C-alpha cells in the first residue's frame, strides 16, 4: 500500500509539472500574439499617416482645379471628408496601441503604464513541417496531453490502491519498560491487525469511485487529444493561407495598386480621371497594404499557437 501511495503521489506530481509547462507555453504564446497585434497597429498607423498626407495633397489639388473651374466643389468636400475619416481611424488605432501596451506589460508582470518601445520589423517565417509531423509532435510532446495522460496513470494506480484496501493492515510497535522499585528492565512488543469488516460499504465503494474517476480521466484524455489535433490542423491551414495571400499581395496586388494610384494622380492633374477614381485607387492600395501586414501577423500568430500545442519552437525558415 505504501508503494502504491508513493506511485499515486508521483503521478500527481508529474501531472502538475506538465500543467505548469502548459501554462508557461500558453503565456509565451499569448505574449507573442499581443506583440504581433501591436506590430500590426504600428504598421497601420504608418500606412494611414502616409495616406493622410496624400489626401491633403489631393485636397490641395482639388482646390486648385476648382478655383480655375476644372473641378467640382464636391471633390474638395470629398477630400475633406476622407481626411476626417483618416483622423478618426488614427484615433482608434492609437487607443488600440495603448491597450496593447497595457496588455503586454500585464503579461510581463510590469505596470500597465510602463514604457514599451516600438516592435521590430517582422521577418515572416515559413512553416516547413508538414501537418502529419506537427500532429505527431503534438501527440508526443504537448504538455497539455502529457498532463492528461499522467492523470490516467494516476487513476490506474489509485484503483490498484483502492483494491489493496481489502487487505488487512498490520501494525507492529515496541516499547521499552523500566521499573525502579524492583529494578527490572524489559521490552513490550505489540502486533495489531486491522480488518476491513465493512468492505461492502467502504472499500468496495472506494474502488467504484476510483474506477469512475479513471474512466473520466480516459475520456478526458481522448477529448484533449481530439481538441489538440483540431487546433494543430486549424493553425496549420491558417498559416498556409497566410503564406499564399502574403505572396499574392506582395508580388501582384500591391505593385499593381501602386501603379494604378500613380496613374490616377497623373490623370486627375490633367483632368482625364475624376476624383472618385483617384480616391478609390488610394483606398484600394491602403486596404491592400493593411491586408498584407494583417496576414503576416496572422501567420506569425498561428505559428505561436502551434508552438504552444506542440511543446516548443518549430523548424522554420526565413522569408
Protein backbone atom coordinates (compact mmCIF):
# COMPACT_ATOMS: atom_id res chain seq x y z
CA UNK A 1 0.00 0.00 0.00
CA UNK A 2 2.81 2.43 0.82
CA UNK A 3 4.45 1.78 -2.54
CA UNK A 4 1.18 2.41 -4.38
CA UNK A 5 0.57 5.59 -2.40
CA UNK A 6 4.01 6.78 -3.45
CA UNK A 7 3.28 6.00 -7.11
CA UNK A 8 -0.06 7.83 -6.96
CA UNK A 9 1.69 10.87 -5.47
CA UNK A 10 4.42 10.69 -8.13
CA UNK A 11 1.88 10.59 -10.97
CA UNK A 12 0.08 13.56 -9.45
CA UNK A 13 3.35 15.47 -9.19
CA UNK A 14 4.15 14.66 -12.83
CA UNK A 15 0.71 15.84 -13.91
CA UNK A 16 1.09 19.14 -12.07
CA UNK A 17 4.55 19.63 -13.60
CA UNK A 18 3.14 19.16 -17.12
CA UNK A 19 0.34 21.61 -16.34
CA UNK A 20 2.96 24.14 -15.26
CA UNK A 21 4.81 23.69 -18.57
CA UNK A 22 1.50 24.09 -20.44
CA UNK A 23 0.72 27.33 -18.59
CA UNK A 24 4.21 28.63 -19.36
CA UNK A 25 3.85 27.87 -23.08
CA UNK A 26 0.38 29.39 -23.12
CA UNK A 27 1.70 32.60 -21.55
CA UNK A 28 4.51 32.80 -24.12
CA UNK A 29 2.01 32.28 -26.96
CA UNK A 30 -0.33 34.99 -25.62
CA UNK A 31 2.62 37.36 -25.30
CA UNK A 32 3.70 36.69 -28.89
CA UNK A 33 0.16 37.22 -30.17
CA UNK A 34 -0.11 40.54 -28.34
CA UNK A 35 3.30 41.58 -29.70
CA UNK A 36 2.28 40.79 -33.29
CA UNK A 37 -1.02 42.65 -32.82
CA UNK A 38 0.97 45.65 -31.61
CA UNK A 39 3.23 45.35 -34.65
CA UNK A 40 0.18 45.48 -36.93
CA UNK A 41 -1.15 48.58 -35.16
CA UNK A 42 2.18 50.36 -35.64
CA UNK A 43 2.24 49.45 -39.33
CA UNK A 44 -1.39 50.51 -39.74
CA UNK A 45 -0.67 53.90 -38.15
CA UNK A 46 2.28 54.40 -40.50
CA UNK A 47 0.17 53.50 -43.57
CA UNK A 48 -2.76 55.70 -42.56
CA UNK A 49 -0.47 58.62 -41.71
CA UNK A 50 1.14 58.32 -45.15
CA UNK A 51 -2.26 58.29 -46.82
CA UNK A 52 -3.34 61.31 -44.77
CA UNK A 53 -0.51 63.27 -46.36
CA UNK A 54 -1.64 62.09 -49.82
CA UNK A 55 -5.23 63.08 -49.08
CA UNK A 56 -4.10 66.54 -48.04
CA UNK A 57 -2.29 66.79 -51.37
CA UNK A 58 -5.45 65.63 -53.16
CA UNK A 59 -7.41 68.32 -51.32
CA UNK A 60 -4.91 70.97 -52.36
CA UNK A 61 -5.06 69.79 -56.00
CA UNK A 62 -8.88 69.73 -55.92
CA UNK A 63 -8.99 73.28 -54.56
CA UNK A 64 -6.61 74.50 -57.26
CA UNK A 65 -8.62 72.85 -60.03
CA UNK A 66 -11.89 74.13 -58.54
CA UNK A 67 -10.50 77.68 -58.42
CA UNK A 68 -9.98 77.63 -62.19
CA UNK A 69 -13.24 75.87 -62.91
CA UNK A 70 -11.73 72.49 -63.84
CA UNK A 71 -13.22 70.52 -60.94
CA UNK A 72 -16.39 70.46 -58.91
CA UNK A 73 -16.53 71.74 -55.35
CA UNK A 74 -17.72 68.26 -54.41
CA UNK A 75 -14.15 66.99 -54.96
CA UNK A 76 -12.90 69.34 -52.27
CA UNK A 77 -15.63 68.27 -49.84
CA UNK A 78 -14.98 64.58 -50.52
CA UNK A 79 -11.26 65.02 -49.87
CA UNK A 80 -12.03 66.81 -46.58
CA UNK A 81 -14.42 64.03 -45.55
CA UNK A 82 -11.78 61.38 -46.20
CA UNK A 83 -9.23 63.36 -44.20
CA UNK A 84 -11.66 63.47 -41.27
CA UNK A 85 -12.23 59.73 -41.58
CA UNK A 86 -8.47 59.17 -41.53
CA UNK A 87 -8.15 61.24 -38.36
CA UNK A 88 -10.93 59.18 -36.80
CA UNK A 89 -9.16 55.96 -37.77
CA UNK A 90 -5.89 57.20 -36.32
CA UNK A 91 -7.61 57.95 -33.01
CA UNK A 92 -8.97 54.37 -32.88
CA UNK A 93 -5.57 52.92 -33.76
CA UNK A 94 -3.89 54.99 -31.07
CA UNK A 95 -6.36 53.70 -28.48
CA UNK A 96 -5.72 50.12 -29.59
CA UNK A 97 -1.98 50.70 -29.34
CA UNK A 98 -2.27 51.90 -25.75
CA UNK A 99 -4.49 48.96 -24.83
CA UNK A 100 -1.97 46.51 -26.29
CA UNK A 101 0.83 48.26 -24.40
CA UNK A 102 -1.07 47.65 -21.16
CA UNK A 103 -1.83 44.03 -22.12
CA UNK A 104 1.83 43.26 -22.89
CA UNK A 105 3.00 44.89 -19.66
CA UNK A 106 0.45 42.83 -17.74
CA UNK A 107 1.74 39.61 -19.31
CA UNK A 108 5.28 40.70 -18.42
CA UNK A 109 4.19 41.48 -14.85
CA UNK A 110 5.04 45.16 -15.28
CA UNK A 111 2.98 48.29 -14.53
CA UNK A 112 0.34 48.77 -17.27
CA UNK A 113 1.51 52.33 -17.90
CA UNK A 114 5.18 51.34 -18.10
CA UNK A 115 7.21 52.34 -21.16
CA UNK A 116 7.26 49.99 -24.13
CA UNK A 117 9.24 50.55 -27.30
CA UNK A 118 8.09 50.08 -30.87
CA UNK A 119 8.19 46.48 -32.15
CA UNK A 120 10.86 45.46 -34.61
CA UNK A 121 10.00 44.67 -38.23
CA UNK A 122 8.54 41.20 -38.72
CA UNK A 123 10.65 38.71 -40.63
CA UNK A 124 7.96 36.29 -41.69
CA UNK A 125 8.95 32.68 -41.03
CA UNK A 126 7.86 29.89 -43.36
CA UNK A 127 6.46 26.73 -41.85
CA UNK A 128 8.44 23.74 -43.12
CA UNK A 129 6.93 20.90 -41.07
CA UNK A 130 4.02 19.05 -42.75
CA UNK A 131 0.73 18.50 -40.96
CA UNK A 132 1.37 14.80 -40.07
CA UNK A 133 4.69 15.71 -38.43
CA UNK A 134 3.06 18.51 -36.44
CA UNK A 135 0.26 16.19 -35.32
CA UNK A 136 2.75 13.54 -34.23
CA UNK A 137 4.83 16.15 -32.42
CA UNK A 138 1.75 17.38 -30.56
CA UNK A 139 0.78 13.82 -29.67
CA UNK A 140 4.22 13.14 -28.21
CA UNK A 141 5.31 16.43 -26.66
CA UNK A 142 2.24 18.53 -25.89
CA UNK A 143 2.30 19.26 -22.13
CA UNK A 144 -1.49 19.53 -22.13
CA UNK A 145 -1.76 16.00 -23.45
CA UNK A 146 1.00 14.73 -21.19
CA UNK A 147 -0.77 16.14 -18.14
CA UNK A 148 -3.98 14.37 -19.16
CA UNK A 149 -2.08 11.11 -19.69
CA UNK A 150 -0.49 11.41 -16.24
CA UNK A 151 -3.99 11.83 -14.84
CA UNK A 152 -4.96 8.48 -16.37
CA UNK A 153 -1.86 6.81 -14.90
CA UNK A 154 -2.63 8.28 -11.51
CA UNK A 155 -6.18 6.96 -11.74
CA UNK A 156 -4.99 3.46 -12.57
CA UNK A 157 -2.66 3.47 -9.57
CA UNK A 158 -5.49 4.82 -7.41
CA UNK A 159 -7.69 1.88 -8.48
CA UNK A 160 -4.94 -0.58 -7.52
CA UNK A 161 -4.54 1.18 -4.18
CA UNK A 162 -8.28 1.10 -3.51
CA UNK A 163 -8.34 -2.65 -4.18
CA UNK A 164 -5.48 -3.13 -1.74
CA UNK A 165 -7.73 -1.69 0.95
CA UNK A 166 -9.49 -5.07 1.03
CA UNK A 167 -6.33 -6.45 2.67
CA UNK A 168 -5.75 -6.14 6.41
CA UNK A 169 -3.26 -3.67 7.83
CA UNK A 170 -0.55 -4.82 10.24
CA UNK A 171 0.91 -2.60 12.92
CA UNK A 172 4.00 -3.58 14.91
CA UNK A 173 5.18 -1.48 17.84
CA UNK A 174 7.84 -1.91 20.56
CA UNK A 175 8.07 -0.17 23.92
CA UNK A 176 10.88 -0.20 26.49
CA UNK A 177 9.85 -0.84 30.15
CA UNK A 178 11.65 0.27 33.35
CA UNK A 179 10.58 -0.37 36.95
CA UNK A 180 12.74 1.43 39.53
CA UNK A 181 11.13 -0.28 42.51
CA UNK A 182 12.15 -3.76 41.59
CA UNK A 183 14.97 -2.68 39.32
CA UNK A 184 13.71 -4.54 36.29
CA UNK A 185 14.04 -3.66 32.64
CA UNK A 186 12.27 -5.10 29.65
CA UNK A 187 10.53 -4.59 26.34
CA UNK A 188 6.95 -4.84 25.22
CA UNK A 189 6.17 -5.80 21.62
CA UNK A 190 2.65 -5.44 20.20
CA UNK A 191 1.20 -6.69 16.93
CA UNK A 192 -2.03 -5.13 15.69
CA UNK A 193 -4.21 -6.20 12.79
CA UNK A 194 -6.93 -4.02 11.27
CA UNK A 195 -9.52 -5.99 9.35
CA UNK A 196 -11.78 -4.39 6.70
CA UNK A 197 -15.03 -5.66 8.23
CA UNK A 198 -17.16 -3.05 6.44
CA UNK A 199 -15.71 -3.59 2.97
CA UNK A 200 -19.17 -3.61 1.35
CA UNK A 201 -19.87 -0.01 2.38
CA UNK A 202 -16.37 1.44 2.41
CA UNK A 203 -13.65 -0.34 0.41
CA UNK A 204 -15.98 -1.51 -2.37
CA UNK A 205 -17.39 1.99 -2.82
CA UNK A 206 -13.87 3.41 -2.85
CA UNK A 207 -12.96 1.03 -5.68
CA UNK A 208 -16.04 2.08 -7.63
CA UNK A 209 -15.17 5.73 -7.14
CA UNK A 210 -11.58 5.16 -8.29
CA UNK A 211 -12.78 3.26 -11.37
CA UNK A 212 -15.24 6.02 -12.23
CA UNK A 213 -12.56 8.69 -11.87
CA UNK A 214 -10.18 6.68 -14.05
CA UNK A 215 -12.85 6.28 -16.74
CA UNK A 216 -13.43 10.04 -16.62
CA UNK A 217 -9.68 10.63 -16.95
CA UNK A 218 -9.51 8.35 -20.02
CA UNK A 219 -12.43 10.18 -21.65
CA UNK A 220 -10.77 13.49 -20.84
CA UNK A 221 -7.54 12.25 -22.46
CA UNK A 222 -9.42 11.27 -25.63
CA UNK A 223 -11.21 14.63 -25.80
CA UNK A 224 -7.95 16.50 -25.14
CA UNK A 225 -6.19 14.64 -27.95
CA UNK A 226 -9.01 15.34 -30.43
CA UNK A 227 -9.12 19.01 -29.48
CA UNK A 228 -5.34 19.22 -29.77
CA UNK A 229 -5.26 17.67 -33.24
CA UNK A 230 -8.02 20.03 -34.36
CA UNK A 231 -6.06 23.04 -33.11
CA UNK A 232 -2.94 21.81 -34.91
CA UNK A 233 -4.77 21.45 -38.22
CA UNK A 234 -6.65 24.73 -37.84
CA UNK A 235 -3.49 26.73 -37.13
CA UNK A 236 -1.63 24.86 -39.88
CA UNK A 237 -4.17 25.76 -42.57
CA UNK A 238 -4.30 29.35 -41.29
CA UNK A 239 -0.53 29.61 -41.65
CA UNK A 240 -0.67 28.12 -45.16
CA UNK A 241 -3.43 30.52 -46.19
CA UNK A 242 -1.48 33.49 -44.85
CA UNK A 243 1.65 32.43 -46.75
CA UNK A 244 -0.26 32.26 -50.03
CA UNK A 245 -2.02 35.59 -49.50
CA UNK A 246 1.16 37.36 -48.49
CA UNK A 247 2.84 36.22 -51.70
CA UNK A 248 -0.11 37.39 -53.84
CA UNK A 249 -0.43 40.74 -52.08
CA UNK A 250 3.29 41.48 -52.02
CA UNK A 251 4.14 40.34 -55.54
CA UNK A 252 0.99 41.21 -57.50
CA UNK A 253 -1.80 43.23 -55.88
CA UNK A 254 0.21 45.95 -54.13
CA UNK A 255 2.54 46.68 -57.09
CA UNK A 256 -0.47 46.87 -59.40
CA UNK A 257 -2.40 49.10 -56.95
CA UNK A 258 0.64 51.37 -56.63
CA UNK A 259 0.85 51.80 -60.40
CA UNK A 260 -2.91 52.42 -60.56
CA UNK A 261 -2.64 55.16 -57.92
CA UNK A 262 0.22 56.88 -59.74
CA UNK A 263 -1.70 56.77 -63.00
CA UNK A 264 -4.80 58.20 -61.29
CA UNK A 265 -2.78 61.02 -59.75
CA UNK A 266 -1.34 61.96 -63.13
CA UNK A 267 -4.71 61.64 -64.83
CA UNK A 268 -6.55 63.76 -62.24
CA UNK A 269 -3.98 66.52 -62.54
CA UNK A 270 -4.77 66.92 -66.26
CA UNK A 271 -8.50 66.27 -65.97
CA UNK A 272 -8.55 62.78 -67.52
CA UNK A 273 -9.61 60.99 -64.32
CA UNK A 274 -12.35 62.03 -61.90
CA UNK A 275 -11.75 62.48 -58.20
CA UNK A 276 -13.69 59.35 -57.21
CA UNK A 277 -11.38 57.16 -59.29
CA UNK A 278 -8.37 58.81 -57.69
CA UNK A 279 -9.80 58.28 -54.21
CA UNK A 280 -10.70 54.65 -54.90
CA UNK A 281 -7.16 54.00 -56.11
CA UNK A 282 -5.74 55.33 -52.84
CA UNK A 283 -8.17 53.37 -50.67
CA UNK A 284 -7.52 50.17 -52.63
CA UNK A 285 -3.79 50.49 -52.07
CA UNK A 286 -4.30 51.31 -48.40
CA UNK A 287 -6.53 48.30 -47.75
CA UNK A 288 -4.16 46.03 -49.66
CA UNK A 289 -1.20 47.18 -47.56
CA UNK A 290 -3.20 46.71 -44.37
CA UNK A 291 -4.25 43.26 -45.53
CA UNK A 292 -0.63 42.34 -46.25
CA UNK A 293 0.52 43.26 -42.76
CA UNK A 294 -2.58 41.63 -41.26
CA UNK A 295 -1.83 38.33 -43.00
CA UNK A 296 1.82 38.46 -41.93
CA UNK A 297 0.70 38.93 -38.35
CA UNK A 298 -1.92 36.17 -38.67
CA UNK A 299 0.79 33.82 -39.94
CA UNK A 300 3.12 34.52 -37.01
CA UNK A 301 0.27 34.20 -34.51
CA UNK A 302 -0.66 30.81 -35.96
CA UNK A 303 2.95 29.67 -35.53
CA UNK A 304 2.92 30.90 -31.93
CA UNK A 305 -0.19 28.83 -31.22
CA UNK A 306 1.39 25.79 -32.90
CA UNK A 307 4.42 26.14 -30.64
CA UNK A 308 2.08 26.17 -27.66
CA UNK A 309 0.32 22.91 -28.54
CA UNK A 310 3.39 21.07 -29.87
CA UNK A 311 5.58 21.77 -26.87
CA UNK A 312 8.20 24.17 -28.21
CA UNK A 313 9.78 26.03 -31.16
CA UNK A 314 9.11 24.80 -34.69
CA UNK A 315 11.51 24.15 -37.57
CA UNK A 316 11.11 27.25 -39.72
CA UNK A 317 12.92 29.21 -42.41
CA UNK A 318 13.05 32.95 -43.01
CA UNK A 319 11.24 34.82 -45.76
